[in-house]
Amino acid sequence: MAANGSKGDTATSVLFLCLGNICRSPTAEAVFRNTVEKNGASYRYVIDSCGTGGGASGWYKPGGFAYHEGDAADSRMRQAASARGIRLTSRSRPLKPDDLEEFDMIVCMDEENVRSHGSSTIMCQILTMEDPKDLNWF
């Protein structure tokens, strides 16, 4: 489900997904957000990231937990991003059932995120691409 953008257009919601949501997906979220802002297109996107429990079994079940939930991105990732002028500000959170309905695109950081948890969690449309330059984001 897309949200309304500030210019009256419908915003596309994009969720980046990896295992623990402390390295790859928060970095992808921040890089994409930075690119969108530099292109003056913030109103066109709702951007977030999450993880598939960080390796905790049963994280998706009622009462389950995700290892890194609430943690900031890994300090090494924050340093590497900062050196490139990008700030990683999100906090780790697990994929929620509502995410499957709320986001237009769920971008998995690798196929293992789909394979290892697909039967229990990821019953959604997944964006796969050979070359990201082929997408017309702006």
Protein backbone atom coordinates (compact mmCIF):
# COMPACT_ATOMS: atom_id res chain seq x y z
CA MET A 1 0.00 0.00 0.00
CA ALA A 2 1.52 3.30 -1.00
CA ALA A 3 1.34 6.38 1.16
CA ASN A 4 0.49 9.86 -0.03
CA GLY A 5 3.44 12.07 -0.84
CA SER A 6 3.66 15.71 0.15
CA LYS A 7 3.09 16.89 -3.42
CA GLY A 8 -0.18 15.00 -3.69
CA ASP A 9 1.33 12.09 -5.56
CA THR A 10 1.24 8.55 -4.28
CA ALA A 11 4.54 7.62 -2.65
CA THR A 12 6.13 4.25 -3.33
CA SER A 13 7.01 2.37 -0.15
CA VAL A 14 10.31 0.48 -0.21
CA LEU A 15 11.51 -1.89 2.53
CA PHE A 16 15.09 -3.23 2.58
CA LEU A 17 15.42 -6.65 4.24
CA CYS A 18 18.44 -8.60 5.53
CA LEU A 19 19.16 -10.99 8.40
CA GLY A 20 19.77 -8.81 11.47
CA ASN A 21 19.00 -5.32 10.19
CA ILE A 22 22.29 -3.95 11.53
CA CYS A 23 24.52 -3.95 8.41
CA ARG A 24 23.24 -4.35 4.88
CA SER A 25 19.59 -3.29 5.03
CA PRO A 26 20.10 -0.16 7.16
CA THR A 27 22.94 0.80 4.82
CA ALA A 28 20.76 0.25 1.75
CA GLU A 29 18.00 2.27 3.43
CA ALA A 30 20.36 5.17 4.18
CA VAL A 31 22.03 5.15 0.75
CA PHE A 32 18.68 5.05 -1.02
CA ARG A 33 17.27 7.78 1.24
CA ASN A 34 20.36 9.94 0.58
CA THR A 35 20.02 9.42 -3.18
CA VAL A 36 16.30 10.20 -3.12
CA GLU A 37 16.90 13.39 -1.10
CA LYS A 38 19.70 14.54 -3.43
CA ASN A 39 17.33 14.08 -6.36
CA GLY A 40 14.58 16.08 -4.64
CA ALA A 41 12.27 13.07 -4.66
CA SER A 42 11.69 12.51 -0.93
CA TYR A 43 7.96 13.04 -1.42
CA ARG A 44 7.88 10.06 -3.79
CA TYR A 45 9.11 7.41 -1.32
CA VAL A 46 8.49 5.90 2.09
CA ILE A 47 11.75 4.13 3.00
CA ASP A 48 12.49 1.66 5.81
CA SER A 49 14.52 -1.46 6.63
CA CYS A 50 14.10 -4.56 8.76
CA GLY A 51 15.57 -8.00 9.39
CA THR A 52 14.55 -11.63 9.60
CA GLY A 53 15.38 -12.08 13.28
CA GLY A 54 19.16 -12.04 13.16
CA GLY A 55 19.29 -15.82 13.33
CA ALA A 56 16.96 -16.25 16.30
CA SER A 57 14.72 -19.25 15.69
CA GLY A 58 11.03 -18.57 16.08
CA TRP A 59 11.50 -14.79 15.90
CA TYR A 60 8.38 -14.51 13.77
CA LYS A 61 6.17 -16.47 16.19
CA PRO A 62 4.08 -14.84 18.93
CA GLY A 63 6.44 -14.14 21.84
CA GLY A 64 9.49 -14.62 19.61
CA PHE A 65 12.38 -12.16 19.59
CA ALA A 66 14.94 -10.81 17.15
CA TYR A 67 18.56 -10.75 18.35
CA HIS A 68 19.27 -7.16 17.36
CA GLU A 69 15.86 -5.56 17.84
CA GLY A 70 16.30 -1.91 18.86
CA ASP A 71 20.05 -1.88 18.15
CA ALA A 72 21.74 0.79 16.08
CA ALA A 73 23.54 -0.25 12.92
CA ASP A 74 26.90 -1.95 13.42
CA SER A 75 29.57 0.61 14.37
CA ARG A 76 31.80 -0.42 11.44
CA MET A 77 28.95 0.18 9.01
CA ARG A 78 28.21 3.55 10.58
CA GLN A 79 31.88 4.54 10.26
CA ALA A 80 32.12 3.38 6.63
CA ALA A 81 28.90 5.21 5.74
CA SER A 82 29.96 8.35 7.58
CA ALA A 83 33.23 8.42 5.62
CA ARG A 84 31.03 8.64 2.51
CA GLY A 85 28.77 11.35 3.89
CA ILE A 86 25.87 9.07 4.78
CA ARG A 87 24.32 8.70 8.25
CA LEU A 88 22.81 5.41 9.38
CA THR A 89 20.11 6.40 11.87
CA SER A 90 17.60 3.55 11.88
CA ARG A 91 17.16 1.01 14.67
CA SER A 92 16.94 -2.72 14.00
CA ARG A 93 13.51 -4.22 13.85
CA PRO A 94 12.11 -7.52 12.63
CA LEU A 95 9.90 -7.99 9.62
CA LYS A 96 6.26 -7.73 10.70
CA PRO A 97 3.24 -9.33 9.03
CA ASP A 98 1.87 -5.83 8.32
CA ASP A 99 5.01 -5.03 6.30
CA LEU A 100 3.87 -7.47 3.62
CA GLU A 101 0.78 -5.36 3.05
CA GLU A 102 2.21 -1.89 3.74
CA PHE A 103 5.21 -1.92 1.42
CA ASP A 104 5.06 -1.84 -2.35
CA MET A 105 8.56 -3.28 -2.70
CA ILE A 106 10.56 -5.51 -0.38
CA VAL A 107 14.18 -5.60 -1.50
CA CYS A 108 16.06 -8.58 -0.04
CA MET A 109 19.79 -8.15 0.37
CA ASP A 110 20.45 -11.75 -0.68
CA GLU A 111 18.61 -14.89 -1.75
CA GLU A 112 19.32 -16.59 1.59
CA ASN A 113 16.90 -14.17 3.27
CA VAL A 114 14.21 -15.51 0.98
CA ARG A 115 15.22 -19.20 1.09
CA SER A 116 15.90 -19.67 4.78
CA HIS A 117 12.78 -17.93 6.05
CA GLY A 118 10.51 -18.01 3.04
CA SER A 119 8.14 -20.67 4.32
CA SER A 120 7.47 -18.85 7.57
CA THR A 121 7.80 -15.19 6.75
CA ILE A 122 8.29 -13.92 3.27
CA MET A 123 5.16 -14.51 1.27
CA CYS A 124 5.47 -11.31 -0.69
CA GLN A 125 6.47 -9.84 -3.96
CA ILE A 126 10.24 -9.52 -4.03
CA LEU A 127 12.05 -7.12 -6.26
CA THR A 128 14.90 -8.83 -8.05
CA MET A 129 17.01 -7.12 -10.61
CA GLU A 130 19.99 -7.95 -12.74
CA ASP A 131 21.08 -4.34 -12.99
CA PRO A 132 19.64 -1.66 -10.68
CA LYS A 133 20.41 0.96 -13.34
CA ASP A 134 17.59 -0.56 -15.41
CA LEU A 135 15.01 0.82 -12.97
CA ASN A 136 13.75 4.34 -13.49
CA TRP A 137 13.70 5.51 -9.85
CA PHE A 138 13.56 9.25 -10.59
